[in-house]
């Protein structure tokens, strides 16, 4: 099997750019999928976030693109704005070998008029969420007459979210002669139906997603329903992970657990479907920049979440489907790092553990829960804090402007400054806790790019 990018029939400039990004060896999904994609075949691939699937379809569609024609030649449909943003970022990095490519995100939560204006000026690649894509297609602002490649990314989650009819409508605007690439973490009857309806003799690709003990340590703990929250507190206080996602099965449960952990002094945020886009952005920024250590989330809300260095995943309640369990815990133990997956289980849920054992062909490792008074143990405090700045892309702010203001006249050492996230009308910057007061004081009285902006501690 092909293992090096250099063995693929790619443009030399694209190969050089791939090497500059630190990619040398193909991941399993890339090794299986890329030769088929480059050959123009349809594929249906079982792949999860973090497997390298974005680079697989990104390299494929960039290889076939005619950059001299400013028509939509590739369309990527994603379930969430967060995933669409991640896909756009990776495609832009892969496309650095040419100065001519235009990539446009089309997602809800932001005004549609500027998106329509961008479409009028010509775009090569569109990455979007189903609802907003359908809106632009129905208004004839987005035209797919010249579409060559259609990508359905995390198709199973889009179907779970009720987008089956919307996706069918979107595809009805596309030419029949096209390449269709379908990526899904699971194979369900709905996925097979979508493939049958919209693909032409697809090549099926499935990578073994079972997690070995070497990559992810899986531990199961039996408890009682009234003691489940106390058990969660014990696991968090004992393992003290810097970044943890706690999975719940319902939005109500998600809110209640996050509130209880917050009352007990943990650094925690909730991520669920009732948050508006700005709230979601703020939660994901704070968790991603290490100024919040615990994220309590539902499966739907966390779909597309790709946090680097996620140290632990905790199943507050096990899912019914063992594939969902495997997808949950697959967010930890990446890039050769050791991951930790902890699962709480009451007697009524033991059948779910049996299903997980059968699915992964392994025996569950059970541990005991020590008695733990949540109120009396010191909590892990995140290393960073987040500052919110009332200025963003519309104000021509760039990460370098914020970094320069803090490290220049602000006198903050560069090593104390973490991730900087720029949105249309605001920005976030992560600061080490010890430097928070100085950084906040300077930005309040100083200037960024010659202008004064409102700044506050985001928490």
Protein backbone atom coordinates (compact mmCIF):
# COMPACT_ATOMS: atom_id res chain seq x y z
CA UNK A 1 0.00 0.00 0.00
CA UNK A 2 1.17 3.57 -0.75
CA UNK A 3 2.61 5.18 2.41
CA UNK A 4 4.35 8.37 1.21
CA UNK A 5 2.72 11.42 -0.40
CA UNK A 6 5.65 11.59 -2.84
CA UNK A 7 4.53 8.28 -4.39
CA UNK A 8 1.22 9.83 -5.50
CA UNK A 9 0.75 11.53 -8.90
CA UNK A 10 0.53 15.05 -7.43
CA UNK A 11 1.72 18.41 -8.79
CA UNK A 12 5.28 19.12 -7.54
CA UNK A 13 4.22 22.44 -5.99
CA UNK A 14 1.43 20.71 -4.09
CA UNK A 15 3.86 18.01 -2.91
CA UNK A 16 6.30 20.68 -1.70
CA UNK A 17 3.50 22.42 0.20
CA UNK A 18 2.35 19.14 1.78
CA UNK A 19 5.93 18.51 2.94
CA UNK A 20 6.15 22.05 4.37
CA UNK A 21 3.07 21.32 6.47
CA UNK A 22 4.89 18.40 8.08
CA UNK A 23 2.97 15.68 6.26
CA UNK A 24 5.24 12.84 5.14
CA UNK A 25 3.45 9.53 5.65
CA UNK A 26 -0.14 8.92 4.64
CA UNK A 27 -2.61 8.06 7.39
CA UNK A 28 -4.56 4.82 6.83
CA UNK A 29 -7.62 6.63 5.45
CA UNK A 30 -5.43 8.73 3.12
CA UNK A 31 -3.53 5.67 1.87
CA UNK A 32 -6.81 3.90 1.05
CA UNK A 33 -8.82 6.85 -0.23
CA UNK A 34 -6.44 9.17 -2.10
CA UNK A 35 -5.58 6.84 -5.01
CA UNK A 36 -9.32 6.31 -5.63
CA UNK A 37 -10.09 10.03 -5.31
CA UNK A 38 -7.27 10.99 -7.69
CA UNK A 39 -8.59 8.39 -10.16
CA UNK A 40 -11.98 10.16 -10.13
CA UNK A 41 -13.88 7.37 -8.37
CA UNK A 42 -16.72 7.85 -5.90
CA UNK A 43 -15.93 6.61 -2.40
CA UNK A 44 -17.87 5.84 0.77
CA UNK A 45 -15.35 5.93 3.62
CA UNK A 46 -15.73 5.16 7.29
CA UNK A 47 -13.56 7.80 8.94
CA UNK A 48 -13.72 9.92 12.06
CA UNK A 49 -12.49 13.42 12.95
CA UNK A 50 -8.72 13.40 13.34
CA UNK A 51 -8.12 10.53 10.89
CA UNK A 52 -6.76 12.77 8.13
CA UNK A 53 -9.89 12.62 5.98
CA UNK A 54 -9.93 16.39 5.31
CA UNK A 55 -6.46 16.24 3.77
CA UNK A 56 -7.56 13.19 1.76
CA UNK A 57 -10.46 14.89 0.01
CA UNK A 58 -8.72 18.30 0.06
CA UNK A 59 -5.69 17.08 -1.85
CA UNK A 60 -7.99 15.24 -4.24
CA UNK A 61 -10.20 18.17 -5.12
CA UNK A 62 -7.27 20.62 -5.38
CA UNK A 63 -5.55 18.25 -7.80
CA UNK A 64 -8.50 18.34 -10.21
CA UNK A 65 -9.20 22.08 -10.02
CA UNK A 66 -8.91 24.57 -12.86
CA UNK A 67 -7.87 27.72 -10.99
CA UNK A 68 -8.30 29.90 -14.08
CA UNK A 69 -12.09 29.40 -13.93
CA UNK A 70 -13.83 31.20 -11.07
CA UNK A 71 -16.76 28.79 -10.79
CA UNK A 72 -17.77 26.57 -7.87
CA UNK A 73 -15.94 23.36 -8.75
CA UNK A 74 -16.06 21.69 -5.33
CA UNK A 75 -18.69 21.67 -2.58
CA UNK A 76 -18.10 20.29 0.93
CA UNK A 77 -21.21 19.85 3.12
CA UNK A 78 -20.55 19.70 6.89
CA UNK A 79 -22.93 19.21 9.84
CA UNK A 80 -21.72 22.16 11.93
CA UNK A 81 -20.16 25.56 11.52
CA UNK A 82 -17.20 24.48 13.68
CA UNK A 83 -16.37 21.60 11.36
CA UNK A 84 -16.86 23.80 8.28
CA UNK A 85 -14.42 26.36 9.74
CA UNK A 86 -11.85 23.61 10.43
CA UNK A 87 -12.23 22.25 6.89
CA UNK A 88 -11.77 25.75 5.41
CA UNK A 89 -8.61 26.32 7.44
CA UNK A 90 -7.08 23.03 6.35
CA UNK A 91 -8.03 23.53 2.70
CA UNK A 92 -6.43 27.00 2.73
CA UNK A 93 -3.21 25.52 4.13
CA UNK A 94 -3.21 22.80 1.47
CA UNK A 95 -3.90 25.40 -1.24
CA UNK A 96 -0.90 27.60 -0.38
CA UNK A 97 0.92 26.23 -3.43
CA UNK A 98 -1.26 28.50 -5.60
CA UNK A 99 -2.26 32.13 -5.13
CA UNK A 100 -5.43 31.86 -7.18
CA UNK A 101 -7.78 29.63 -5.19
CA UNK A 102 -10.83 31.14 -3.48
CA UNK A 103 -12.45 29.13 -0.65
CA UNK A 104 -15.71 30.39 0.88
CA UNK A 105 -17.51 29.16 4.03
CA UNK A 106 -21.31 29.34 3.85
CA UNK A 107 -22.72 28.73 7.34
CA UNK A 108 -25.60 29.97 9.44
CA UNK A 109 -25.21 32.22 12.45
CA UNK A 110 -23.80 35.09 10.34
CA UNK A 111 -25.47 37.46 7.81
CA UNK A 112 -26.05 35.91 4.38
CA UNK A 113 -25.68 39.12 2.31
CA UNK A 114 -21.84 39.29 2.47
CA UNK A 115 -21.76 35.59 1.53
CA UNK A 116 -23.92 36.29 -1.54
CA UNK A 117 -21.62 39.17 -2.52
CA UNK A 118 -18.58 36.87 -2.31
CA UNK A 119 -20.32 34.30 -4.51
CA UNK A 120 -20.93 36.94 -7.17
CA UNK A 121 -17.19 37.64 -7.39
CA UNK A 122 -16.40 33.98 -8.12
CA UNK A 123 -15.39 31.10 -5.87
CA UNK A 124 -13.60 27.77 -6.49
CA UNK A 125 -14.52 25.83 -3.34
CA UNK A 126 -17.57 26.23 -1.08
CA UNK A 127 -17.67 24.67 2.40
CA UNK A 128 -20.97 24.99 4.23
CA UNK A 129 -23.74 23.72 6.45
CA UNK A 130 -26.96 22.30 4.94
CA UNK A 131 -29.42 25.05 5.89
CA UNK A 132 -27.37 27.99 4.61
CA UNK A 133 -26.31 26.14 1.44
CA UNK A 134 -29.95 25.38 0.64
CA UNK A 135 -30.86 29.03 1.22
CA UNK A 136 -28.25 30.31 -1.27
CA UNK A 137 -29.19 27.65 -3.83
CA UNK A 138 -32.89 28.49 -3.65
CA UNK A 139 -32.10 32.19 -4.09
CA UNK A 140 -29.87 31.30 -7.08
CA UNK A 141 -26.91 32.99 -5.41
CA UNK A 142 -24.98 29.68 -5.33
CA UNK A 143 -24.72 27.95 -8.71
CA UNK A 144 -23.42 24.40 -9.09
CA UNK A 145 -23.45 24.15 -12.91
CA UNK A 146 -19.67 23.55 -13.00
CA UNK A 147 -19.42 21.36 -9.89
CA UNK A 148 -16.92 18.52 -10.26
CA UNK A 149 -16.56 17.17 -6.70
CA UNK A 150 -19.22 16.90 -3.97
CA UNK A 151 -18.08 15.94 -0.45
CA UNK A 152 -20.46 14.84 2.33
CA UNK A 153 -18.38 15.17 5.51
CA UNK A 154 -19.64 13.38 8.64
CA UNK A 155 -22.74 12.37 6.72
CA UNK A 156 -24.06 10.20 9.55
CA UNK A 157 -24.25 13.16 11.91
CA UNK A 158 -26.03 15.30 9.31
CA UNK A 159 -28.64 12.55 8.98
CA UNK A 160 -28.88 12.25 12.78
CA UNK A 161 -29.55 15.99 12.91
CA UNK A 162 -32.48 15.62 10.48
CA UNK A 163 -30.83 17.01 7.33
CA UNK A 164 -31.69 14.12 4.98
CA UNK A 165 -34.27 16.08 2.95
CA UNK A 166 -32.13 19.23 2.87
CA UNK A 167 -29.10 17.27 1.60
CA UNK A 168 -31.24 15.65 -1.09
CA UNK A 169 -32.45 19.09 -2.16
CA UNK A 170 -28.90 20.48 -2.28
CA UNK A 171 -27.69 17.56 -4.42
CA UNK A 172 -30.59 18.09 -6.83
CA UNK A 173 -28.89 21.33 -7.94
CA UNK A 174 -25.63 19.52 -8.79
CA UNK A 175 -24.74 17.99 -12.17
CA UNK A 176 -25.31 14.27 -12.50
CA UNK A 177 -21.79 13.84 -13.86
CA UNK A 178 -19.63 14.54 -10.81
CA UNK A 179 -17.46 12.80 -8.24
CA UNK A 180 -19.17 12.21 -4.87
CA UNK A 181 -17.10 11.51 -1.75
CA UNK A 182 -19.02 10.39 1.34
CA UNK A 183 -17.34 10.26 4.76
CA UNK A 184 -19.08 8.85 7.83
CA UNK A 185 -17.98 7.63 11.24
CA UNK A 186 -20.62 4.87 11.13
CA UNK A 187 -22.37 2.77 8.50
CA UNK A 188 -26.13 2.86 8.93
CA UNK A 189 -29.02 1.99 6.65
CA UNK A 190 -29.56 5.71 6.02
CA UNK A 191 -25.92 6.11 4.94
CA UNK A 192 -26.22 3.17 2.57
CA UNK A 193 -29.43 4.66 1.16
CA UNK A 194 -27.78 8.06 0.58
CA UNK A 195 -24.86 6.33 -1.13
CA UNK A 196 -27.16 4.25 -3.33
CA UNK A 197 -29.13 7.34 -4.42
CA UNK A 198 -26.30 9.76 -5.09
CA UNK A 199 -23.12 7.80 -5.84
CA UNK A 200 -21.91 5.94 -8.89
CA UNK A 201 -20.30 2.56 -8.11
CA UNK A 202 -18.51 3.87 -5.01
CA UNK A 203 -15.41 2.20 -3.61
CA UNK A 204 -16.04 1.24 0.02
CA UNK A 205 -13.22 2.08 2.44
CA UNK A 206 -13.29 1.10 6.10
CA UNK A 207 -10.45 1.65 8.54
CA UNK A 208 -10.44 -0.37 11.78
CA UNK A 209 -11.48 2.12 14.46
CA UNK A 210 -10.95 -0.16 17.44
CA UNK A 211 -8.66 1.44 19.99
CA UNK A 212 -5.73 -0.56 21.30
CA UNK A 213 -4.68 -0.38 24.94
CA UNK A 214 -1.48 1.28 23.76
CA UNK A 215 -3.29 4.37 22.43
CA UNK A 216 -6.27 4.74 24.77
CA UNK A 217 -6.63 3.33 28.27
CA UNK A 218 -10.29 2.36 28.72
CA UNK A 219 -11.62 2.05 32.28
CA UNK A 220 -15.17 1.23 33.40
CA UNK A 221 -16.67 2.06 36.81
CA UNK A 222 -19.89 0.63 38.18
CA UNK A 223 -21.92 3.03 40.30
CA UNK A 224 -25.52 3.77 41.31
CA UNK A 225 -27.69 6.39 39.66
CA UNK A 226 -27.85 8.76 42.70
CA UNK A 227 -24.05 8.50 43.09
CA UNK A 228 -23.13 9.05 39.43
CA UNK A 229 -22.39 12.78 39.80
CA UNK A 230 -20.23 12.18 42.86
CA UNK A 231 -18.35 9.48 40.91
CA UNK A 232 -17.73 11.94 38.08
CA UNK A 233 -16.28 14.44 40.55
CA UNK A 234 -13.97 11.77 41.92
CA UNK A 235 -12.64 10.85 38.47
CA UNK A 236 -11.99 14.49 37.58
CA UNK A 237 -10.27 15.26 40.87
CA UNK A 238 -8.22 12.06 40.89
CA UNK A 239 -6.95 12.16 37.29
CA UNK A 240 -6.80 16.00 37.09
CA UNK A 241 -6.71 16.08 33.27
CA UNK A 242 -5.89 19.43 31.67
CA UNK A 243 -8.60 18.92 29.04
CA UNK A 244 -11.63 16.60 29.39
CA UNK A 245 -14.83 16.12 27.43
CA UNK A 246 -17.68 14.67 29.52
CA UNK A 247 -20.36 13.13 27.28
CA UNK A 248 -24.04 13.18 28.23
CA UNK A 249 -27.01 11.81 26.32
CA UNK A 250 -29.38 14.79 26.70
CA UNK A 251 -29.21 18.61 26.69
CA UNK A 252 -30.89 18.79 30.12
CA UNK A 253 -28.36 16.39 31.62
CA UNK A 254 -25.55 18.40 30.02
CA UNK A 255 -26.73 21.65 31.63
CA UNK A 256 -27.37 20.09 35.04
CA UNK A 257 -23.95 18.38 35.23
CA UNK A 258 -22.06 21.47 34.10
CA UNK A 259 -23.89 23.57 36.72
CA UNK A 260 -23.16 21.03 39.47
CA UNK A 261 -19.45 20.84 38.57
CA UNK A 262 -19.25 24.64 38.43
CA UNK A 263 -20.80 24.89 41.92
CA UNK A 264 -18.11 22.48 43.16
CA UNK A 265 -15.29 24.66 41.84
CA UNK A 266 -14.42 22.92 38.59
CA UNK A 267 -13.51 24.91 35.46
CA UNK A 268 -16.35 23.80 33.21
CA UNK A 269 -18.46 24.83 30.20
CA UNK A 270 -21.53 23.20 28.63
CA UNK A 271 -21.92 22.60 24.89
CA UNK A 272 -25.41 21.71 23.65
CA UNK A 273 -27.95 22.57 20.98
CA UNK A 274 -29.64 25.43 22.85
CA UNK A 275 -26.60 27.72 22.62
CA UNK A 276 -26.60 30.43 19.96
CA UNK A 277 -23.62 30.73 17.63
CA UNK A 278 -21.75 33.37 19.65
CA UNK A 279 -22.14 31.31 22.83
CA UNK A 280 -20.89 28.20 21.02
CA UNK A 281 -17.90 30.11 19.66
CA UNK A 282 -16.97 31.37 23.11
CA UNK A 283 -17.28 27.92 24.71
CA UNK A 284 -15.15 26.26 22.02
CA UNK A 285 -12.55 29.04 22.08
CA UNK A 286 -12.11 28.79 25.86
CA UNK A 287 -11.87 25.02 25.82
CA UNK A 288 -9.56 24.99 22.83
CA UNK A 289 -7.15 27.58 24.26
CA UNK A 290 -6.92 25.83 27.65
CA UNK A 291 -8.67 28.49 29.73
CA UNK A 292 -11.41 25.97 30.57
CA UNK A 293 -10.48 22.39 31.43
CA UNK A 294 -13.83 20.53 31.25
CA UNK A 295 -16.38 20.52 28.43
CA UNK A 296 -19.72 18.80 29.12
CA UNK A 297 -21.32 18.01 25.77
CA UNK A 298 -23.95 16.02 23.92
CA UNK A 299 -22.94 13.92 20.90
CA UNK A 300 -24.72 16.21 18.42
CA UNK A 301 -23.16 19.39 19.83
CA UNK A 302 -19.65 17.89 19.93
CA UNK A 303 -19.73 16.54 16.38
CA UNK A 304 -16.79 17.90 14.41
CA UNK A 305 -15.02 18.92 17.62
CA UNK A 306 -11.30 18.46 17.01
CA UNK A 307 -9.36 19.56 20.10
CA UNK A 308 -5.64 18.87 20.05
CA UNK A 309 -4.11 17.20 23.12
CA UNK A 310 -7.46 16.12 24.59
CA UNK A 311 -6.28 14.13 27.58
CA UNK A 312 -9.47 12.39 28.67
CA UNK A 313 -12.98 11.48 27.60
CA UNK A 314 -15.54 10.58 30.28
CA UNK A 315 -18.82 8.87 29.48
CA UNK A 316 -21.16 10.14 32.19
CA UNK A 317 -23.66 7.74 30.68
CA UNK A 318 -22.83 5.13 28.05
CA UNK A 319 -24.47 5.51 24.64
CA UNK A 320 -26.75 2.75 23.30
CA UNK A 321 -24.68 2.35 20.14
CA UNK A 322 -21.14 0.95 20.60
CA UNK A 323 -20.04 2.80 17.44
CA UNK A 324 -20.89 6.09 19.15
CA UNK A 325 -18.81 5.01 22.16
CA UNK A 326 -15.82 4.30 19.92
CA UNK A 327 -16.30 7.64 18.15
CA UNK A 328 -16.47 9.48 21.50
CA UNK A 329 -13.28 8.02 22.93
CA UNK A 330 -11.44 8.40 19.62
CA UNK A 331 -11.05 12.09 20.38
CA UNK A 332 -8.30 11.30 22.89
CA UNK A 333 -5.04 9.39 22.36
CA UNK A 334 -4.18 11.03 19.04
CA UNK A 335 -0.85 11.75 17.35
CA UNK A 336 0.92 9.02 19.30
CA UNK A 337 -0.13 10.36 22.72
CA UNK A 338 -1.64 8.26 25.49
CA UNK A 339 -5.39 8.81 25.88
CA UNK A 340 -7.76 8.11 28.75
CA UNK A 341 -11.37 6.94 28.40
CA UNK A 342 -13.41 6.62 31.62
CA UNK A 343 -16.98 5.33 31.65
CA UNK A 344 -19.58 5.32 34.41
CA UNK A 345 -22.16 2.56 34.35
CA UNK A 346 -25.13 1.54 36.48
CA UNK A 347 -26.50 -2.01 36.63
CA UNK A 348 -29.20 -1.32 34.06
CA UNK A 349 -26.53 -0.32 31.53
CA UNK A 350 -24.33 -3.43 31.75
CA UNK A 351 -25.73 -4.67 28.42
CA UNK A 352 -24.20 -1.58 26.80
CA UNK A 353 -20.77 -2.59 28.12
CA UNK A 354 -21.26 -6.07 26.69
CA UNK A 355 -22.08 -4.55 23.29
CA UNK A 356 -18.90 -2.42 23.47
CA UNK A 357 -16.84 -5.50 24.34
CA UNK A 358 -18.28 -7.42 21.38
CA UNK A 359 -17.82 -4.49 18.99
CA UNK A 360 -14.17 -3.94 19.96
CA UNK A 361 -13.39 -7.62 20.55
CA UNK A 362 -11.97 -6.85 23.98
CA UNK A 363 -12.73 -7.38 27.67
CA UNK A 364 -13.75 -4.31 29.68
CA UNK A 365 -11.31 -3.25 32.40
CA UNK A 366 -13.28 -2.52 35.59
CA UNK A 367 -11.92 -0.30 38.40
CA UNK A 368 -13.25 0.61 41.83
CA UNK A 369 -14.42 4.07 42.78
CA UNK A 370 -12.97 5.35 46.04
CA UNK A 371 -15.22 7.42 48.30
CA UNK A 372 -14.78 11.07 47.41
CA UNK A 373 -16.26 14.20 49.03
CA UNK A 374 -16.45 16.58 46.06
CA UNK A 375 -16.47 19.72 48.16
CA UNK A 376 -13.12 19.25 49.93
CA UNK A 377 -10.54 18.41 47.25
CA UNK A 378 -8.50 21.06 45.40
CA UNK A 379 -9.59 21.54 41.80
CA UNK A 380 -7.38 21.57 38.74
CA UNK A 381 -7.22 25.14 37.50
CA UNK A 382 -6.59 25.74 33.79
CA UNK A 383 -3.27 27.37 32.89
CA UNK A 384 -4.78 30.05 30.67
CA UNK A 385 -7.45 32.76 30.81
CA UNK A 386 -9.27 34.34 27.87
CA UNK A 387 -9.60 38.03 27.01
CA UNK A 388 -12.42 39.18 24.72
CA UNK A 389 -11.66 42.09 22.37
CA UNK A 390 -14.37 44.16 20.69
CA UNK A 391 -12.78 44.06 17.24
CA UNK A 392 -12.28 41.45 14.54
CA UNK A 393 -11.91 40.82 10.82
CA UNK A 394 -14.19 43.72 9.91
CA UNK A 395 -11.77 45.99 11.75
CA UNK A 396 -8.84 44.44 9.80
CA UNK A 397 -7.47 42.91 13.01
CA UNK A 398 -5.03 40.04 12.61
CA UNK A 399 -3.47 37.78 15.27
CA UNK A 400 -0.13 39.50 14.71
CA UNK A 401 -1.65 42.88 15.62
CA UNK A 402 -2.84 41.59 19.00
CA UNK A 403 0.40 39.74 19.65
CA UNK A 404 2.42 42.82 18.74
CA UNK A 405 0.40 45.09 21.04
CA UNK A 406 0.87 42.77 24.00
CA UNK A 407 4.55 41.96 23.50
CA UNK A 408 5.56 45.45 22.35
CA UNK A 409 4.48 48.37 24.52
CA UNK A 410 2.43 45.99 26.65
CA UNK A 411 5.60 44.27 27.80
CA UNK A 412 4.04 40.77 28.03
CA UNK A 413 6.47 37.97 27.23
CA UNK A 414 5.51 36.07 24.09
CA UNK A 415 5.54 32.71 25.87
CA UNK A 416 2.67 33.93 28.10
CA UNK A 417 0.36 34.43 25.12
CA UNK A 418 -1.60 31.45 23.80
CA UNK A 419 -4.07 30.93 20.99
CA UNK A 420 -5.59 33.97 19.26
CA UNK A 421 -8.99 33.52 17.56
CA UNK A 422 -10.33 36.21 15.23
CA UNK A 423 -14.05 36.40 14.32
CA UNK A 424 -15.88 38.98 12.19
CA UNK A 425 -16.61 41.50 14.94
CA UNK A 426 -14.60 40.29 17.95
CA UNK A 427 -11.47 38.37 18.93
CA UNK A 428 -10.19 36.20 21.78
CA UNK A 429 -6.66 35.89 23.12
CA UNK A 430 -5.45 33.33 25.68
CA UNK A 431 -3.10 34.61 28.40
CA UNK A 432 -1.29 32.66 31.09
CA UNK A 433 -3.11 33.18 34.41
CA UNK A 434 -0.10 34.92 36.04
CA UNK A 435 -0.10 37.59 33.31
CA UNK A 436 -3.88 38.11 33.06
CA UNK A 437 -4.06 41.30 35.15
CA UNK A 438 -1.19 43.01 33.31
CA UNK A 439 -2.49 42.04 29.87
CA UNK A 440 -6.05 43.20 30.66
CA UNK A 441 -4.83 46.51 32.09
CA UNK A 442 -2.61 47.20 29.09
CA UNK A 443 -5.24 46.39 26.46
CA UNK A 444 -7.78 48.59 28.25
CA UNK A 445 -5.54 51.65 28.22
CA UNK A 446 -3.32 50.89 25.22
CA UNK A 447 -4.02 50.52 21.53
CA UNK A 448 -4.07 47.75 18.93
CA UNK A 449 -3.12 48.81 15.43
CA UNK A 450 -3.42 52.43 16.54
CA UNK A 451 -7.00 52.03 17.82
CA UNK A 452 -8.62 51.58 21.21
CA UNK A 453 -10.89 48.57 21.72
CA UNK A 454 -13.14 47.45 24.54
CA UNK A 455 -11.61 44.46 26.36
CA UNK A 456 -12.88 42.17 29.11
CA UNK A 457 -12.08 38.90 30.84
CA UNK A 458 -14.21 36.19 29.21
CA UNK A 459 -15.49 33.58 31.69
